[in-house]
C-alpha atoms as a PDB file:
ATOM      1  CA  MET A   1     -16.102 -29.962 -14.633  1.00  0.00           C
ATOM      2  CA  GLY A   2     -16.257 -32.808 -12.129  1.00  0.00           C
ATOM      3  CA  PRO A   3     -15.755 -32.533  -8.378  1.00  0.00           C
ATOM      4  CA  VAL A   4     -12.570 -33.142  -6.410  1.00  0.00           C
ATOM      5  CA  GLY A   5     -12.547 -36.446  -4.563  1.00  0.00           C
ATOM      6  CA  VAL A   6     -11.063 -36.399  -1.061  1.00  0.00           C
ATOM      7  CA  LEU A   7     -10.230 -39.669   0.668  1.00  0.00           C
ATOM      8  CA  CYS A   8      -9.668 -40.156   4.376  1.00  0.00           C
ATOM      9  CA  ALA A   9      -8.914 -43.342   6.284  1.00  0.00           C
ATOM     10  CA  ILE A  10     -10.013 -42.726   9.872  1.00  0.00           C
ATOM     11  CA  PRO A  11     -12.770 -40.695  11.593  1.00  0.00           C
ATOM     12  CA  GLN A  12     -10.450 -37.944  12.836  1.00  0.00           C
ATOM     13  CA  GLU A  13      -9.205 -37.219   9.308  1.00  0.00           C
ATOM     14  CA  PHE A  14     -12.713 -37.201   7.872  1.00  0.00           C
ATOM     15  CA  ALA A  15     -14.512 -35.162  10.546  1.00  0.00           C
ATOM     16  CA  PHE A  16     -12.717 -31.833  10.039  1.00  0.00           C
ATOM     17  CA  LEU A  17     -13.767 -31.827   6.375  1.00  0.00           C
ATOM     18  CA  ALA A  18     -17.242 -33.352   6.652  1.00  0.00           C
ATOM     19  CA  ASP A  19     -18.236 -30.911   9.406  1.00  0.00           C
ATOM     20  CA  ASN A  20     -17.748 -28.025   6.957  1.00  0.00           C
ATOM     21  CA  LEU A  21     -19.446 -29.629   3.955  1.00  0.00           C
ATOM     22  CA  ALA A  22     -22.548 -27.768   2.703  1.00  0.00           C
ATOM     23  CA  ASN A  23     -25.571 -29.396   1.028  1.00  0.00           C
ATOM     24  CA  ALA A  24     -24.199 -32.864   1.684  1.00  0.00           C
ATOM     25  CA  GLU A  25     -25.731 -35.871  -0.045  1.00  0.00           C
ATOM     26  CA  ILE A  26     -24.599 -39.230   1.334  1.00  0.00           C
ATOM     27  CA  THR A  27     -24.258 -42.357  -0.773  1.00  0.00           C
ATOM     28  CA  GLU A  28     -23.138 -45.743   0.552  1.00  0.00           C
ATOM     29  CA  ARG A  29     -21.215 -48.159  -1.654  1.00  0.00           C
ATOM     30  CA  ALA A  30     -18.904 -51.071  -0.846  1.00  0.00           C
ATOM     31  CA  GLY A  31     -19.312 -50.431   2.863  1.00  0.00           C
ATOM     32  CA  MET A  32     -18.091 -46.845   2.478  1.00  0.00           C
ATOM     33  CA  ALA A  33     -19.909 -43.542   2.832  1.00  0.00           C
ATOM     34  CA  PHE A  34     -19.443 -40.861   0.156  1.00  0.00           C
ATOM     35  CA  HIS A  35     -20.475 -37.318   1.083  1.00  0.00           C
ATOM     36  CA  ALA A  36     -21.033 -35.094  -1.970  1.00  0.00           C
ATOM     37  CA  GLY A  37     -21.453 -31.361  -1.453  1.00  0.00           C
ATOM     38  CA  ARG A  38     -19.607 -28.054  -1.408  1.00  0.00           C
ATOM     39  CA  LEU A  39     -16.589 -27.268   0.731  1.00  0.00           C
ATOM     40  CA  ASP A  40     -15.860 -23.547   0.836  1.00  0.00           C
ATOM     41  CA  GLY A  41     -17.905 -23.249  -2.368  1.00  0.00           C
ATOM     42  CA  HIS A  42     -16.032 -25.989  -4.239  1.00  0.00           C
ATOM     43  CA  ARG A  43     -17.659 -29.224  -5.393  1.00  0.00           C
ATOM     44  CA  VAL A  44     -16.160 -32.179  -3.559  1.00  0.00           C
ATOM     45  CA  VAL A  45     -16.946 -35.776  -2.712  1.00  0.00           C
ATOM     46  CA  LEU A  46     -15.570 -36.904   0.638  1.00  0.00           C
ATOM     47  CA  ALA A  47     -14.914 -40.602   1.104  1.00  0.00           C
ATOM     48  CA  ARG A  48     -14.187 -42.251   4.409  1.00  0.00           C
ATOM     49  CA  ALA A  49     -12.380 -45.155   2.810  1.00  0.00           C
ATOM     50  CA  GLY A  50     -10.984 -47.021   5.793  1.00  0.00           C
ATOM     51  CA  MET A  51      -7.392 -48.075   6.268  1.00  0.00           C
ATOM     52  CA  GLY A  52      -5.140 -49.885   3.854  1.00  0.00           C
ATOM     53  CA  LYS A  53      -4.301 -50.145   0.188  1.00  0.00           C
ATOM     54  CA  VAL A  54      -7.296 -52.199  -0.948  1.00  0.00           C
ATOM     55  CA  ASN A  55      -9.775 -49.797   0.649  1.00  0.00           C
ATOM     56  CA  ALA A  56      -7.978 -46.837  -0.920  1.00  0.00           C
ATOM     57  CA  ALA A  57      -8.094 -48.426  -4.376  1.00  0.00           C
ATOM     58  CA  ILE A  58     -11.806 -49.294  -4.048  1.00  0.00           C
ATOM     59  CA  ALA A  59     -12.689 -45.776  -2.912  1.00  0.00           C
ATOM     60  CA  ALA A  60     -10.562 -44.188  -5.638  1.00  0.00           C
ATOM     61  CA  THR A  61     -12.222 -46.274  -8.339  1.00  0.00           C
ATOM     62  CA  LEU A  62     -15.712 -45.398  -7.105  1.00  0.00           C
ATOM     63  CA  LEU A  63     -14.886 -41.687  -6.870  1.00  0.00           C
ATOM     64  CA  ILE A  64     -13.673 -41.682 -10.469  1.00  0.00           C
ATOM     65  CA  GLU A  65     -16.192 -44.035 -12.077  1.00  0.00           C
ATOM     66  CA  ARG A  66     -19.370 -43.318 -10.101  1.00  0.00           C
ATOM     67  CA  PHE A  67     -18.904 -39.703  -9.026  1.00  0.00           C
ATOM     68  CA  GLY A  68     -16.864 -38.418 -11.991  1.00  0.00           C
ATOM     69  CA  CYS A  69     -14.104 -36.891  -9.875  1.00  0.00           C
ATOM     70  CA  ARG A  70     -11.469 -35.096 -11.925  1.00  0.00           C
ATOM     71  CA  LEU A  71      -8.766 -35.204  -9.241  1.00  0.00           C
ATOM     72  CA  LEU A  72      -8.271 -37.266  -6.087  1.00  0.00           C
ATOM     73  CA  LEU A  73      -6.607 -36.119  -2.895  1.00  0.00           C
ATOM     74  CA  PHE A  74      -5.759 -38.136   0.194  1.00  0.00           C
ATOM     75  CA  SER A  75      -5.866 -36.101   3.382  1.00  0.00           C
ATOM     76  CA  GLY A  76      -4.662 -37.505   6.671  1.00  0.00           C
ATOM     77  CA  ILE A  77      -1.849 -38.487   8.955  1.00  0.00           C
ATOM     78  CA  ALA A  78       1.405 -40.408   8.579  1.00  0.00           C
ATOM     79  CA  GLY A  79       4.484 -41.534  10.435  1.00  0.00           C
ATOM     80  CA  GLY A  80       7.653 -39.533   9.924  1.00  0.00           C
ATOM     81  CA  LEU A  81      10.744 -41.227   8.468  1.00  0.00           C
ATOM     82  CA  ASP A  82      13.086 -38.337   7.693  1.00  0.00           C
ATOM     83  CA  PRO A  83      14.983 -37.556  10.927  1.00  0.00           C
ATOM     84  CA  GLU A  84      14.847 -33.854  10.056  1.00  0.00           C
ATOM     85  CA  LEU A  85      11.053 -33.853  10.440  1.00  0.00           C
ATOM     86  CA  SER A  86       9.026 -33.587  13.652  1.00  0.00           C
ATOM     87  CA  ILE A  87       5.539 -34.491  14.800  1.00  0.00           C
ATOM     88  CA  GLY A  88       3.119 -31.966  13.329  1.00  0.00           C
ATOM     89  CA  ASP A  89       5.134 -31.310  10.179  1.00  0.00           C
ATOM     90  CA  VAL A  90       3.259 -31.842   6.917  1.00  0.00           C
ATOM     91  CA  VAL A  91       4.537 -33.856   3.956  1.00  0.00           C
ATOM     92  CA  ILE A  92       3.081 -33.390   0.485  1.00  0.00           C
ATOM     93  CA  ALA A  93       3.994 -36.214  -1.840  1.00  0.00           C
ATOM     94  CA  GLU A  94       5.961 -35.477  -4.983  1.00  0.00           C
ATOM     95  CA  HIS A  95       6.386 -39.228  -5.418  1.00  0.00           C
ATOM     96  CA  VAL A  96       4.799 -42.302  -3.825  1.00  0.00           C
ATOM     97  CA  VAL A  97       6.046 -45.895  -3.510  1.00  0.00           C
ATOM     98  CA  GLN A  98       4.459 -49.076  -2.143  1.00  0.00           C
ATOM     99  CA  HIS A  99       7.253 -50.195   0.150  1.00  0.00           C
ATOM    100  CA  ASP A 100       5.742 -53.630   0.802  1.00  0.00           C
ATOM    101  CA  ALA A 101       5.428 -54.643  -2.876  1.00  0.00           C
ATOM    102  CA  GLY A 102       8.265 -56.634  -4.421  1.00  0.00           C
ATOM    103  CA  TYR A 103       9.935 -60.015  -4.182  1.00  0.00           C
ATOM    104  CA  THR A 104      11.902 -62.029  -1.658  1.00  0.00           C
ATOM    105  CA  SER A 105      15.262 -63.599  -2.524  1.00  0.00           C
ATOM    106  CA  GLU A 106      17.938 -65.292  -0.447  1.00  0.00           C
ATOM    107  CA  GLU A 107      19.359 -61.824   0.171  1.00  0.00           C
ATOM    108  CA  GLY A 108      16.070 -60.555   1.589  1.00  0.00           C
ATOM    109  CA  PHE A 109      13.133 -58.440   0.423  1.00  0.00           C
ATOM    110  CA  VAL A 110      13.527 -56.237  -2.659  1.00  0.00           C
ATOM    111  CA  VAL A 111      11.003 -53.465  -3.302  1.00  0.00           C
ATOM    112  CA  TYR A 112       9.676 -53.507  -6.867  1.00  0.00           C
ATOM    113  CA  GLN A 113       6.876 -51.792  -8.750  1.00  0.00           C
ATOM    114  CA  ALA A 114       3.484 -53.038  -7.562  1.00  0.00           C
ATOM    115  CA  GLY A 115       1.919 -55.380 -10.120  1.00  0.00           C
ATOM    116  CA  HIS A 116       5.255 -56.268 -11.694  1.00  0.00           C
ATOM    117  CA  LEU A 117       8.174 -58.659 -11.149  1.00  0.00           C
ATOM    118  CA  PRO A 118      11.594 -58.373 -12.815  1.00  0.00           C
ATOM    119  CA  PHE A 119      11.537 -61.967 -14.121  1.00  0.00           C
ATOM    120  CA  PHE A 120       7.885 -61.958 -15.212  1.00  0.00           C
ATOM    121  CA  SER A 121       6.789 -58.399 -16.011  1.00  0.00           C
ATOM    122  CA  PRO A 122       9.859 -56.132 -15.908  1.00  0.00           C
ATOM    123  CA  HIS A 123       9.296 -52.454 -15.199  1.00  0.00           C
ATOM    124  CA  ASP A 124      11.644 -49.483 -15.200  1.00  0.00           C
ATOM    125  CA  GLY A 125      11.228 -47.098 -12.301  1.00  0.00           C
ATOM    126  CA  LEU A 126       9.564 -47.308  -8.942  1.00  0.00           C
ATOM    127  CA  GLY A 127       6.355 -45.745  -7.692  1.00  0.00           C
ATOM    128  CA  HIS A 128       4.352 -42.875  -9.179  1.00  0.00           C
ATOM    129  CA  ALA A 129       5.213 -39.195  -9.569  1.00  0.00           C
ATOM    130  CA  ALA A 130       2.702 -36.422  -8.985  1.00  0.00           C
ATOM    131  CA  ASP A 131       1.775 -34.176 -11.903  1.00  0.00           C
ATOM    132  CA  ASP A 132       4.332 -31.380 -12.334  1.00  0.00           C
ATOM    133  CA  ALA A 133       1.826 -28.655 -13.191  1.00  0.00           C
ATOM    134  CA  LEU A 134      -0.366 -29.608 -10.241  1.00  0.00           C
ATOM    135  CA  MET A 135       2.590 -29.545  -7.871  1.00  0.00           C
ATOM    136  CA  ALA A 136       3.608 -26.104  -9.127  1.00  0.00           C
ATOM    137  CA  ARG A 137       0.144 -24.759  -8.258  1.00  0.00           C
ATOM    138  CA  VAL A 138       0.259 -26.461  -4.858  1.00  0.00           C
ATOM    139  CA  ARG A 139       3.659 -24.958  -4.031  1.00  0.00           C
ATOM    140  CA  ALA A 140       2.476 -21.485  -5.013  1.00  0.00           C
ATOM    141  CA  ALA A 141      -0.723 -21.784  -2.966  1.00  0.00           C
ATOM    142  CA  LEU A 142       1.192 -22.863   0.146  1.00  0.00           C
ATOM    143  CA  ALA A 143       4.196 -20.550  -0.226  1.00  0.00           C
ATOM    144  CA  ASP A 144       3.135 -18.231   2.603  1.00  0.00           C
ATOM    145  CA  LEU A 145       1.325 -20.802   4.749  1.00  0.00           C
ATOM    146  CA  THR A 146       1.939 -20.751   8.506  1.00  0.00           C
ATOM    147  CA  LEU A 147       0.457 -23.518  10.630  1.00  0.00           C
ATOM    148  CA  ASN A 148      -0.290 -23.196  14.317  1.00  0.00           C
ATOM    149  CA  PRO A 149       2.046 -24.975  16.748  1.00  0.00           C
ATOM    150  CA  ILE A 150       0.873 -28.368  17.986  1.00  0.00           C
ATOM    151  CA  SER A 151      -0.279 -27.687  21.541  1.00  0.00           C
ATOM    152  CA  ALA A 152       0.008 -31.342  22.588  1.00  0.00           C
ATOM    153  CA  ALA A 153       3.717 -31.196  21.731  1.00  0.00           C
ATOM    154  CA  GLY A 154       4.326 -28.393  24.219  1.00  0.00           C
ATOM    155  CA  SER A 155       6.300 -26.391  21.658  1.00  0.00           C
ATOM    156  CA  ASP A 156       5.777 -23.001  20.076  1.00  0.00           C
ATOM    157  CA  ARG A 157       7.513 -24.027  16.825  1.00  0.00           C
ATOM    158  CA  PRO A 158       5.105 -23.863  13.868  1.00  0.00           C
ATOM    159  CA  PRO A 159       4.936 -27.112  11.869  1.00  0.00           C
ATOM    160  CA  ARG A 160       7.009 -27.155   8.701  1.00  0.00           C
ATOM    161  CA  LEU A 161       5.864 -28.035   5.192  1.00  0.00           C
ATOM    162  CA  HIS A 162       7.933 -30.590   3.282  1.00  0.00           C
ATOM    163  CA  PHE A 163       7.692 -31.891  -0.288  1.00  0.00           C
ATOM    164  CA  GLY A 164       9.106 -35.361  -0.862  1.00  0.00           C
ATOM    165  CA  ARG A 165       8.525 -39.087  -1.199  1.00  0.00           C
ATOM    166  CA  VAL A 166       5.759 -40.810   0.753  1.00  0.00           C
ATOM    167  CA  LEU A 167       5.823 -44.578   1.260  1.00  0.00           C
ATOM    168  CA  THR A 168       2.717 -46.752   1.476  1.00  0.00           C
ATOM    169  CA  GLY A 169       2.278 -50.234   2.961  1.00  0.00           C
ATOM    170  CA  ASP A 170      -0.339 -52.357   4.678  1.00  0.00           C
ATOM    171  CA  GLN A 171       1.301 -52.067   8.055  1.00  0.00           C
ATOM    172  CA  PHE A 172       1.527 -49.558  10.899  1.00  0.00           C
ATOM    173  CA  VAL A 173       5.252 -48.887  11.309  1.00  0.00           C
ATOM    174  CA  ASN A 174       6.115 -49.134  14.989  1.00  0.00           C
ATOM    175  CA  SER A 175       9.823 -49.901  14.691  1.00  0.00           C
ATOM    176  CA  GLY A 176      12.885 -47.686  14.791  1.00  0.00           C
ATOM    177  CA  THR A 177      14.823 -50.279  12.794  1.00  0.00           C
ATOM    178  CA  LEU A 178      12.286 -50.354   9.962  1.00  0.00           C
ATOM    179  CA  ARG A 179      11.940 -46.589  10.057  1.00  0.00           C
ATOM    180  CA  GLU A 180      15.677 -46.152   9.525  1.00  0.00           C
ATOM    181  CA  ARG A 181      15.740 -48.708   6.707  1.00  0.00           C
ATOM    182  CA  LEU A 182      12.804 -47.179   4.838  1.00  0.00           C
ATOM    183  CA  PHE A 183      14.437 -43.767   4.987  1.00  0.00           C
ATOM    184  CA  ARG A 184      17.891 -45.035   4.030  1.00  0.00           C
ATOM    185  CA  GLU A 185      16.888 -47.421   1.260  1.00  0.00           C
ATOM    186  CA  LEU A 186      13.855 -45.684  -0.240  1.00  0.00           C
ATOM    187  CA  GLY A 187      14.283 -42.049   0.770  1.00  0.00           C
ATOM    188  CA  GLY A 188      10.821 -41.803   2.253  1.00  0.00           C
ATOM    189  CA  ALA A 189       9.932 -38.673   4.197  1.00  0.00           C
ATOM    190  CA  ALA A 190       6.803 -40.288   5.630  1.00  0.00           C
ATOM    191  CA  VAL A 191       5.025 -43.635   5.699  1.00  0.00           C
ATOM    192  CA  GLU A 192       1.293 -44.377   5.608  1.00  0.00           C
ATOM    193  CA  MET A 193      -1.154 -47.032   4.389  1.00  0.00           C
ATOM    194  CA  GLU A 194      -3.107 -45.664   1.416  1.00  0.00           C
ATOM    195  CA  GLY A 195      -1.531 -42.965  -0.761  1.00  0.00           C
ATOM    196  CA  ALA A 196       0.404 -44.984  -3.340  1.00  0.00           C
ATOM    197  CA  ALA A 197      -2.527 -47.356  -3.868  1.00  0.00           C
ATOM    198  CA  MET A 198      -4.774 -44.387  -4.592  1.00  0.00           C
ATOM    199  CA  ALA A 199      -2.133 -43.048  -6.980  1.00  0.00           C
ATOM    200  CA  GLN A 200      -1.924 -46.397  -8.806  1.00  0.00           C
ATOM    201  CA  ALA A 201      -5.692 -46.383  -9.322  1.00  0.00           C
ATOM    202  CA  CYS A 202      -5.610 -42.754 -10.481  1.00  0.00           C
ATOM    203  CA  ASN A 203      -2.843 -43.443 -12.974  1.00  0.00           C
ATOM    204  CA  ALA A 204      -4.845 -46.343 -14.408  1.00  0.00           C
ATOM    205  CA  PHE A 205      -7.707 -43.918 -15.111  1.00  0.00           C
ATOM    206  CA  GLY A 206      -5.523 -40.974 -16.157  1.00  0.00           C
ATOM    207  CA  VAL A 207      -6.661 -38.852 -13.199  1.00  0.00           C
ATOM    208  CA  PRO A 208      -4.243 -36.580 -11.288  1.00  0.00           C
ATOM    209  CA  TRP A 209      -3.730 -37.140  -7.569  1.00  0.00           C
ATOM    210  CA  LEU A 210      -2.351 -35.460  -4.479  1.00  0.00           C
ATOM    211  CA  VAL A 211      -1.318 -36.822  -1.071  1.00  0.00           C
ATOM    212  CA  VAL A 212      -1.241 -34.501   1.967  1.00  0.00           C
ATOM    213  CA  ARG A 213      -0.004 -36.041   5.232  1.00  0.00           C
ATOM    214  CA  ALA A 214       0.547 -34.478   8.649  1.00  0.00           C
ATOM    215  CA  LEU A 215       2.896 -36.400  10.947  1.00  0.00           C
ATOM    216  CA  SER A 216       1.152 -37.882  13.972  1.00  0.00           C
ATOM    217  CA  ASP A 217       4.200 -39.918  15.042  1.00  0.00           C
ATOM    218  CA  LEU A 218       7.742 -40.762  13.991  1.00  0.00           C
ATOM    219  CA  ALA A 219       7.175 -44.443  13.111  1.00  0.00           C
ATOM    220  CA  GLY A 220       9.446 -45.651  15.916  1.00  0.00           C
ATOM    221  CA  SER A 221       8.862 -47.816  18.955  1.00  0.00           C
ATOM    222  CA  GLN A 222       6.692 -45.137  20.606  1.00  0.00           C
ATOM    223  CA  SER A 223       4.585 -44.349  17.544  1.00  0.00           C
ATOM    224  CA  HIS A 224       1.477 -46.107  18.859  1.00  0.00           C
ATOM    225  CA  PHE A 225       1.501 -43.787  21.894  1.00  0.00           C
ATOM    226  CA  ASP A 226       2.290 -40.653  19.872  1.00  0.00           C
ATOM    227  CA  PHE A 227      -0.470 -41.443  17.378  1.00  0.00           C
ATOM    228  CA  ARG A 228      -3.121 -41.338  20.096  1.00  0.00           C
ATOM    229  CA  GLN A 229      -1.749 -38.117  21.551  1.00  0.00           C
ATOM    230  CA  PHE A 230      -1.414 -36.116  18.341  1.00  0.00           C
ATOM    231  CA  VAL A 231      -3.925 -37.556  15.853  1.00  0.00           C
ATOM    232  CA  ASP A 232      -6.634 -34.934  16.403  1.00  0.00           C
ATOM    233  CA  GLU A 233      -4.455 -31.850  16.057  1.00  0.00           C
ATOM    234  CA  VAL A 234      -2.431 -33.033  13.085  1.00  0.00           C
ATOM    235  CA  SER A 235      -5.551 -34.255  11.268  1.00  0.00           C
ATOM    236  CA  LEU A 236      -6.834 -30.701  11.520  1.00  0.00           C
ATOM    237  CA  SER A 237      -3.611 -29.395   9.932  1.00  0.00           C
ATOM    238  CA  SER A 238      -4.051 -31.684   6.947  1.00  0.00           C
ATOM    239  CA  ALA A 239      -7.690 -30.666   6.548  1.00  0.00           C
ATOM    240  CA  LEU A 240      -6.811 -26.961   6.655  1.00  0.00           C
ATOM    241  CA  ILE A 241      -4.253 -27.460   3.888  1.00  0.00           C
ATOM    242  CA  VAL A 242      -6.819 -29.282   1.770  1.00  0.00           C
ATOM    243  CA  ARG A 243      -9.223 -26.365   2.094  1.00  0.00           C
ATOM    244  CA  ARG A 244      -6.499 -23.898   1.177  1.00  0.00           C
ATOM    245  CA  LEU A 245      -5.639 -25.919  -1.934  1.00  0.00           C
ATOM    246  CA  LEU A 246      -9.150 -26.403  -3.313  1.00  0.00           C
ATOM    247  CA  PRO A 247      -9.140 -23.150  -5.339  1.00  0.00           C
ATOM    248  CA  VAL A 248      -6.092 -24.269  -7.358  1.00  0.00           C
ATOM    249  CA  LEU A 249      -7.049 -27.897  -7.941  1.00  0.00           C
END
C-alpha cells in the first residue's frame, strides 16, 4: 500500500508536519522538496508545493506518479467566507470549486467547470466532490475532537469544525465585496489557492483526496493583517487534524 501524500503551500503549514517526520528522505523535483518518511508511524510524503493552482497540480502529479501516493491531502490555512465561521475554525471540504475558472459575457463573469466551456466542451455540474466513504471515516475520526482556543484571538471559545464547500482561485481574497459574492453565489465556506486544483489532478488519476483548512482570516478588507497574526496558530490546528486522520486514511 502506497503512502499518503500531504501538500502544503507555505512554510508555516509545512513545518508542523515536517518537524515530526521520522526517517525523512528528501527529494527535490520541479523546484519542490518532497520529504518521505513516517508520521506517527504512518508512511507519508510531505510536499511543500508553493502557492497557487499550478503548483498544487504539479505537486499532486509528482506525488501520485513518482511516489505512488494512494491518497492526497492538502493541509493549511484559508480565508473564511461563511459569516457563521470565525478565525480559527476548521473547514473540511466535502466539495471544491475553482471560483476563477469560467467565461466572461456582457453580463459579467460566470463560473464554469475548469477545462470546459458551455459552447465548446459542455459539462454538467461544477467542481469535484470528495469520496463519500472517505468522508464518513473522517467524520467518525473527528467526532469527539476539541481544538484549543486561538490565543492570538483573545477568546476562550474552542474552534469549530465545519464540513462544506471550499473555493479555490489564484488570488488572495482581501475584499468584503468579493467575500460576500463568493458565499452568496457559490456557497463557499472558505476560500484558498490550491485545493480544487489538487482535486482535479487526483480525479484525473483516480486517486481520492482530502482538503483540511483552518481559517487564518475572514477574506475581507483586513485579511492581510489577520493572516499575519493568526497563521502560525491555525496552521498548527490543521496539522493536528491531519495527524489525527492518518489512521483512517
